[in-house]
Amino acid sequence: MELTELWVQFGYPEDSPHIIQGRGNNISPTEYYTQSNYDKLYIKNKEWLEKELSFLKNK
């Protein structure tokens, strides 16, 4: 939920690695609200952030 709230505050940009249940997908709540899905999204968000920080440092 906190990851979703973060991306909503950013206006959910097109390059966001985050997936919101029911937004452009058919992921059920039972599937979405699992530890394994959270872990997967956490890793994707972390990789995205590292990539963005690297880009900004090299700019």
PDB file of N, CA and C in Angstrom:
ATOM      1  N   MET A   1       0.819  -1.187   0.000  1.00  0.00           N
ATOM      2  CA  MET A   1       0.000   0.000   0.000  1.00  0.00           C
ATOM      3  C   MET A   1       0.871   1.264   0.000  1.00  0.00           C
ATOM      4  N   GLU A   2       1.959   1.241   0.757  1.00  0.00           N
ATOM      5  CA  GLU A   2       2.813   2.427   0.824  1.00  0.00           C
ATOM      6  C   GLU A   2       3.494   2.709  -0.503  1.00  0.00           C
ATOM      7  N   LEU A   3       3.891   1.660  -1.208  1.00  0.00           N
ATOM      8  CA  LEU A   3       4.493   1.871  -2.531  1.00  0.00           C
ATOM      9  C   LEU A   3       3.478   2.513  -3.472  1.00  0.00           C
ATOM     10  N   THR A   4       2.248   2.045  -3.423  1.00  0.00           N
ATOM     11  CA  THR A   4       1.194   2.612  -4.270  1.00  0.00           C
ATOM     12  C   THR A   4       0.964   4.083  -3.921  1.00  0.00           C
ATOM     13  N   GLU A   5       0.907   4.386  -2.637  1.00  0.00           N
ATOM     14  CA  GLU A   5       0.704   5.773  -2.212  1.00  0.00           C
ATOM     15  C   GLU A   5       1.835   6.668  -2.707  1.00  0.00           C
ATOM     16  N   LEU A   6       3.054   6.157  -2.675  1.00  0.00           N
ATOM     17  CA  LEU A   6       4.198   6.917  -3.175  1.00  0.00           C
ATOM     18  C   LEU A   6       4.017   7.257  -4.647  1.00  0.00           C
ATOM     19  N   TRP A   7       3.678   6.264  -5.467  1.00  0.00           N
ATOM     20  CA  TRP A   7       3.536   6.501  -6.901  1.00  0.00           C
ATOM     21  C   TRP A   7       2.339   7.375  -7.225  1.00  0.00           C
ATOM     22  N   VAL A   8       1.290   7.289  -6.446  1.00  0.00           N
ATOM     23  CA  VAL A   8       0.140   8.175  -6.652  1.00  0.00           C
ATOM     24  C   VAL A   8       0.564   9.624  -6.418  1.00  0.00           C
ATOM     25  N   GLN A   9       1.399   9.859  -5.395  1.00  0.00           N
ATOM     26  CA  GLN A   9       1.880  11.212  -5.120  1.00  0.00           C
ATOM     27  C   GLN A   9       2.743  11.744  -6.255  1.00  0.00           C
ATOM     28  N   PHE A  10       3.444  10.852  -6.961  1.00  0.00           N
ATOM     29  CA  PHE A  10       4.260  11.257  -8.107  1.00  0.00           C
ATOM     30  C   PHE A  10       3.436  11.370  -9.387  1.00  0.00           C
ATOM     31  N   GLY A  11       2.142  11.115  -9.299  1.00  0.00           N
ATOM     32  CA  GLY A  11       1.283  11.204 -10.471  1.00  0.00           C
ATOM     33  C   GLY A  11       1.352   9.971 -11.345  1.00  0.00           C
ATOM     34  N   TYR A  12       1.888   8.896 -10.818  1.00  0.00           N
ATOM     35  CA  TYR A  12       2.022   7.619 -11.503  1.00  0.00           C
ATOM     36  C   TYR A  12       2.589   7.797 -12.925  1.00  0.00           C
ATOM     37  N   PRO A  13       3.878   8.207 -13.016  1.00  0.00           N
ATOM     38  CA  PRO A  13       4.489   8.432 -14.335  1.00  0.00           C
ATOM     39  C   PRO A  13       4.544   7.152 -15.171  1.00  0.00           C
ATOM     40  N   GLU A  14       4.640   7.330 -16.468  1.00  0.00           N
ATOM     41  CA  GLU A  14       4.622   6.195 -17.394  1.00  0.00           C
ATOM     42  C   GLU A  14       5.772   5.223 -17.175  1.00  0.00           C
ATOM     43  N   ASP A  15       6.916   5.704 -16.698  1.00  0.00           N
ATOM     44  CA  ASP A  15       8.056   4.797 -16.518  1.00  0.00           C
ATOM     45  C   ASP A  15       8.091   4.159 -15.126  1.00  0.00           C
ATOM     46  N   SER A  16       7.013   4.314 -14.386  1.00  0.00           N
ATOM     47  CA  SER A  16       6.939   3.729 -13.056  1.00  0.00           C
ATOM     48  C   SER A  16       7.010   2.196 -13.141  1.00  0.00           C
ATOM     49  N   PRO A  17       7.808   1.581 -12.276  1.00  0.00           N
ATOM     50  CA  PRO A  17       7.887   0.131 -12.267  1.00  0.00           C
ATOM     51  C   PRO A  17       6.776  -0.499 -11.436  1.00  0.00           C
ATOM     52  N   HIS A  18       5.964   0.321 -10.824  1.00  0.00           N
ATOM     53  CA  HIS A  18       4.965  -0.187  -9.889  1.00  0.00           C
ATOM     54  C   HIS A  18       3.700  -0.645 -10.601  1.00  0.00           C
ATOM     55  N   ILE A  19       3.065  -1.640 -10.037  1.00  0.00           N
ATOM     56  CA  ILE A  19       1.803  -2.170 -10.551  1.00  0.00           C
ATOM     57  C   ILE A  19       0.740  -1.940  -9.488  1.00  0.00           C
ATOM     58  N   ILE A  20      -0.369  -1.345  -9.879  1.00  0.00           N
ATOM     59  CA  ILE A  20      -1.493  -1.150  -8.966  1.00  0.00           C
ATOM     60  C   ILE A  20      -2.565  -2.161  -9.349  1.00  0.00           C
ATOM     61  N   GLN A  21      -3.021  -2.891  -8.373  1.00  0.00           N
ATOM     62  CA  GLN A  21      -4.017  -3.929  -8.617  1.00  0.00           C
ATOM     63  C   GLN A  21      -5.256  -3.340  -9.274  1.00  0.00           C
ATOM     64  N   GLY A  22      -5.656  -3.923 -10.406  1.00  0.00           N
ATOM     65  CA  GLY A  22      -6.850  -3.493 -11.114  1.00  0.00           C
ATOM     66  C   GLY A  22      -6.642  -2.329 -12.066  1.00  0.00           C
ATOM     67  N   ARG A  23      -5.454  -1.752 -12.084  1.00  0.00           N
ATOM     68  CA  ARG A  23      -5.186  -0.624 -12.998  1.00  0.00           C
ATOM     69  C   ARG A  23      -4.419  -1.145 -14.207  1.00  0.00           C
ATOM     70  N   GLY A  24      -5.166  -1.422 -15.269  1.00  0.00           N
ATOM     71  CA  GLY A  24      -4.548  -1.924 -16.493  1.00  0.00           C
ATOM     72  C   GLY A  24      -4.097  -3.364 -16.393  1.00  0.00           C
ATOM     73  N   ASN A  25      -4.655  -4.111 -15.447  1.00  0.00           N
ATOM     74  CA  ASN A  25      -4.292  -5.521 -15.303  1.00  0.00           C
ATOM     75  C   ASN A  25      -5.467  -6.295 -14.702  1.00  0.00           C
ATOM     76  N   ASN A  26      -5.328  -7.597 -14.699  1.00  0.00           N
ATOM     77  CA  ASN A  26      -6.377  -8.462 -14.148  1.00  0.00           C
ATOM     78  C   ASN A  26      -5.911  -9.193 -12.902  1.00  0.00           C
ATOM     79  N   ILE A  27      -4.977  -8.623 -12.172  1.00  0.00           N
ATOM     80  CA  ILE A  27      -4.463  -9.251 -10.962  1.00  0.00           C
ATOM     81  C   ILE A  27      -5.540  -9.185  -9.878  1.00  0.00           C
ATOM     82  N   SER A  28      -5.852 -10.331  -9.316  1.00  0.00           N
ATOM     83  CA  SER A  28      -6.868 -10.380  -8.263  1.00  0.00           C
ATOM     84  C   SER A  28      -6.295  -9.847  -6.957  1.00  0.00           C
ATOM     85  N   PRO A  29      -7.152  -9.372  -6.060  1.00  0.00           N
ATOM     86  CA  PRO A  29      -6.665  -8.925  -4.751  1.00  0.00           C
ATOM     87  C   PRO A  29      -5.932 -10.036  -4.004  1.00  0.00           C
ATOM     88  N   THR A  30      -6.401 -11.257  -4.155  1.00  0.00           N
ATOM     89  CA  THR A  30      -5.753 -12.389  -3.490  1.00  0.00           C
ATOM     90  C   THR A  30      -4.325 -12.565  -3.985  1.00  0.00           C
ATOM     91  N   GLU A  31      -4.118 -12.356  -5.250  1.00  0.00           N
ATOM     92  CA  GLU A  31      -2.791 -12.469  -5.851  1.00  0.00           C
ATOM     93  C   GLU A  31      -1.932 -11.233  -5.535  1.00  0.00           C
ATOM     94  N   TYR A  32      -2.563 -10.064  -5.566  1.00  0.00           N
ATOM     95  CA  TYR A  32      -1.833  -8.812  -5.398  1.00  0.00           C
ATOM     96  C   TYR A  32      -1.294  -8.646  -3.974  1.00  0.00           C
ATOM     97  N   TYR A  33      -2.124  -8.900  -3.003  1.00  0.00           N
ATOM     98  CA  TYR A  33      -1.748  -8.662  -1.605  1.00  0.00           C
ATOM     99  C   TYR A  33      -1.059  -9.874  -0.989  1.00  0.00           C
ATOM    100  N   THR A  34       0.062 -10.261  -1.594  1.00  0.00           N
ATOM    101  CA  THR A  34       0.870 -11.362  -1.074  1.00  0.00           C
ATOM    102  C   THR A  34       2.276 -10.848  -0.794  1.00  0.00           C
ATOM    103  N   GLN A  35       2.972 -11.545   0.060  1.00  0.00           N
ATOM    104  CA  GLN A  35       4.349 -11.171   0.363  1.00  0.00           C
ATOM    105  C   GLN A  35       5.221 -11.307  -0.868  1.00  0.00           C
ATOM    106  N   SER A  36       5.006 -12.352  -1.650  1.00  0.00           N
ATOM    107  CA  SER A  36       5.848 -12.552  -2.840  1.00  0.00           C
ATOM    108  C   SER A  36       5.645 -11.442  -3.857  1.00  0.00           C
ATOM    109  N   ASN A  37       4.421 -10.954  -4.036  1.00  0.00           N
ATOM    110  CA  ASN A  37       4.182  -9.842  -4.960  1.00  0.00           C
ATOM    111  C   ASN A  37       4.817  -8.562  -4.428  1.00  0.00           C
ATOM    112  N   TYR A  38       4.683  -8.337  -3.126  1.00  0.00           N
ATOM    113  CA  TYR A  38       5.324  -7.169  -2.522  1.00  0.00           C
ATOM    114  C   TYR A  38       6.833  -7.217  -2.738  1.00  0.00           C
ATOM    115  N   ASP A  39       7.434  -8.382  -2.491  1.00  0.00           N
ATOM    116  CA  ASP A  39       8.878  -8.531  -2.665  1.00  0.00           C
ATOM    117  C   ASP A  39       9.298  -8.238  -4.103  1.00  0.00           C
ATOM    118  N   LYS A  40       8.505  -8.742  -5.052  1.00  0.00           N
ATOM    119  CA  LYS A  40       8.786  -8.505  -6.470  1.00  0.00           C
ATOM    120  C   LYS A  40       8.699  -7.017  -6.798  1.00  0.00           C
ATOM    121  N   LEU A  41       7.657  -6.354  -6.328  1.00  0.00           N
ATOM    122  CA  LEU A  41       7.491  -4.924  -6.591  1.00  0.00           C
ATOM    123  C   LEU A  41       8.553  -4.098  -5.879  1.00  0.00           C
ATOM    124  N   TYR A  42       8.923  -4.519  -4.685  1.00  0.00           N
ATOM    125  CA  TYR A  42       9.973  -3.818  -3.946  1.00  0.00           C
ATOM    126  C   TYR A  42      11.275  -3.829  -4.733  1.00  0.00           C
ATOM    127  N   ILE A  43      11.643  -4.981  -5.258  1.00  0.00           N
ATOM    128  CA  ILE A  43      12.876  -5.113  -6.045  1.00  0.00           C
ATOM    129  C   ILE A  43      12.800  -4.248  -7.302  1.00  0.00           C
ATOM    130  N   LYS A  44      11.662  -4.299  -8.003  1.00  0.00           N
ATOM    131  CA  LYS A  44      11.501  -3.489  -9.216  1.00  0.00           C
ATOM    132  C   LYS A  44      11.607  -2.000  -8.901  1.00  0.00           C
ATOM    133  N   ASN A  45      11.000  -1.573  -7.797  1.00  0.00           N
ATOM    134  CA  ASN A  45      11.063  -0.168  -7.398  1.00  0.00           C
ATOM    135  C   ASN A  45      12.481   0.222  -7.005  1.00  0.00           C
ATOM    136  N   LYS A  46      13.163  -0.634  -6.284  1.00  0.00           N
ATOM    137  CA  LYS A  46      14.535  -0.366  -5.862  1.00  0.00           C
ATOM    138  C   LYS A  46      15.456  -0.241  -7.073  1.00  0.00           C
ATOM    139  N   GLU A  47      15.323  -1.154  -8.035  1.00  0.00           N
ATOM    140  CA  GLU A  47      16.140  -1.099  -9.258  1.00  0.00           C
ATOM    141  C   GLU A  47      15.859   0.183 -10.031  1.00  0.00           C
ATOM    142  N   TRP A  48      14.586   0.571 -10.107  1.00  0.00           N
ATOM    143  CA  TRP A  48      14.217   1.801 -10.809  1.00  0.00           C
ATOM    144  C   TRP A  48      14.871   3.004 -10.132  1.00  0.00           C
ATOM    145  N   LEU A  49      14.797   3.049  -8.799  1.00  0.00           N
ATOM    146  CA  LEU A  49      15.373   4.166  -8.054  1.00  0.00           C
ATOM    147  C   LEU A  49      16.885   4.238  -8.251  1.00  0.00           C
ATOM    148  N   GLU A  50      17.558   3.104  -8.199  1.00  0.00           N
ATOM    149  CA  GLU A  50      19.004   3.074  -8.409  1.00  0.00           C
ATOM    150  C   GLU A  50      19.363   3.569  -9.805  1.00  0.00           C
ATOM    151  N   LYS A  51      18.582   3.177 -10.794  1.00  0.00           N
ATOM    152  CA  LYS A  51      18.811   3.620 -12.171  1.00  0.00           C
ATOM    153  C   LYS A  51      18.611   5.130 -12.295  1.00  0.00           C
ATOM    154  N   GLU A  52      17.551   5.648 -11.676  1.00  0.00           N
ATOM    155  CA  GLU A  52      17.279   7.084 -11.721  1.00  0.00           C
ATOM    156  C   GLU A  52      18.382   7.880 -11.015  1.00  0.00           C
ATOM    157  N   LEU A  53      18.825   7.399  -9.868  1.00  0.00           N
ATOM    158  CA  LEU A  53      19.893   8.088  -9.140  1.00  0.00           C
ATOM    159  C   LEU A  53      21.186   8.098  -9.946  1.00  0.00           C
ATOM    160  N   SER A  54      21.491   6.995 -10.587  1.00  0.00           N
ATOM    161  CA  SER A  54      22.683   6.917 -11.433  1.00  0.00           C
ATOM    162  C   SER A  54      22.587   7.911 -12.584  1.00  0.00           C
ATOM    163  N   PHE A  55      21.419   8.001 -13.194  1.00  0.00           N
ATOM    164  CA  PHE A  55      21.201   8.941 -14.281  1.00  0.00           C
ATOM    165  C   PHE A  55      21.432  10.378 -13.813  1.00  0.00           C
ATOM    166  N   LEU A  56      20.875  10.704 -12.646  1.00  0.00           N
ATOM    167  CA  LEU A  56      21.001  12.061 -12.127  1.00  0.00           C
ATOM    168  C   LEU A  56      22.458  12.383 -11.750  1.00  0.00           C
ATOM    169  N   LYS A  57      23.182  11.427 -11.240  1.00  0.00           N
ATOM    170  CA  LYS A  57      24.582  11.648 -10.877  1.00  0.00           C
ATOM    171  C   LYS A  57      25.447  11.879 -12.093  1.00  0.00           C
ATOM    172  N   ASN A  58      25.105  11.244 -13.192  1.00  0.00           N
ATOM    173  CA  ASN A  58      25.904  11.348 -14.413  1.00  0.00           C
ATOM    174  C   ASN A  58      25.484  12.491 -15.305  1.00  0.00           C
ATOM    175  N   LYS A  59      24.472  13.194 -14.923  1.00  0.00           N
ATOM    176  CA  LYS A  59      23.955  14.299 -15.741  1.00  0.00           C
ATOM    177  C   LYS A  59      24.769  15.546 -15.571  1.00  0.00           C
TER     178      LYS A  59
END
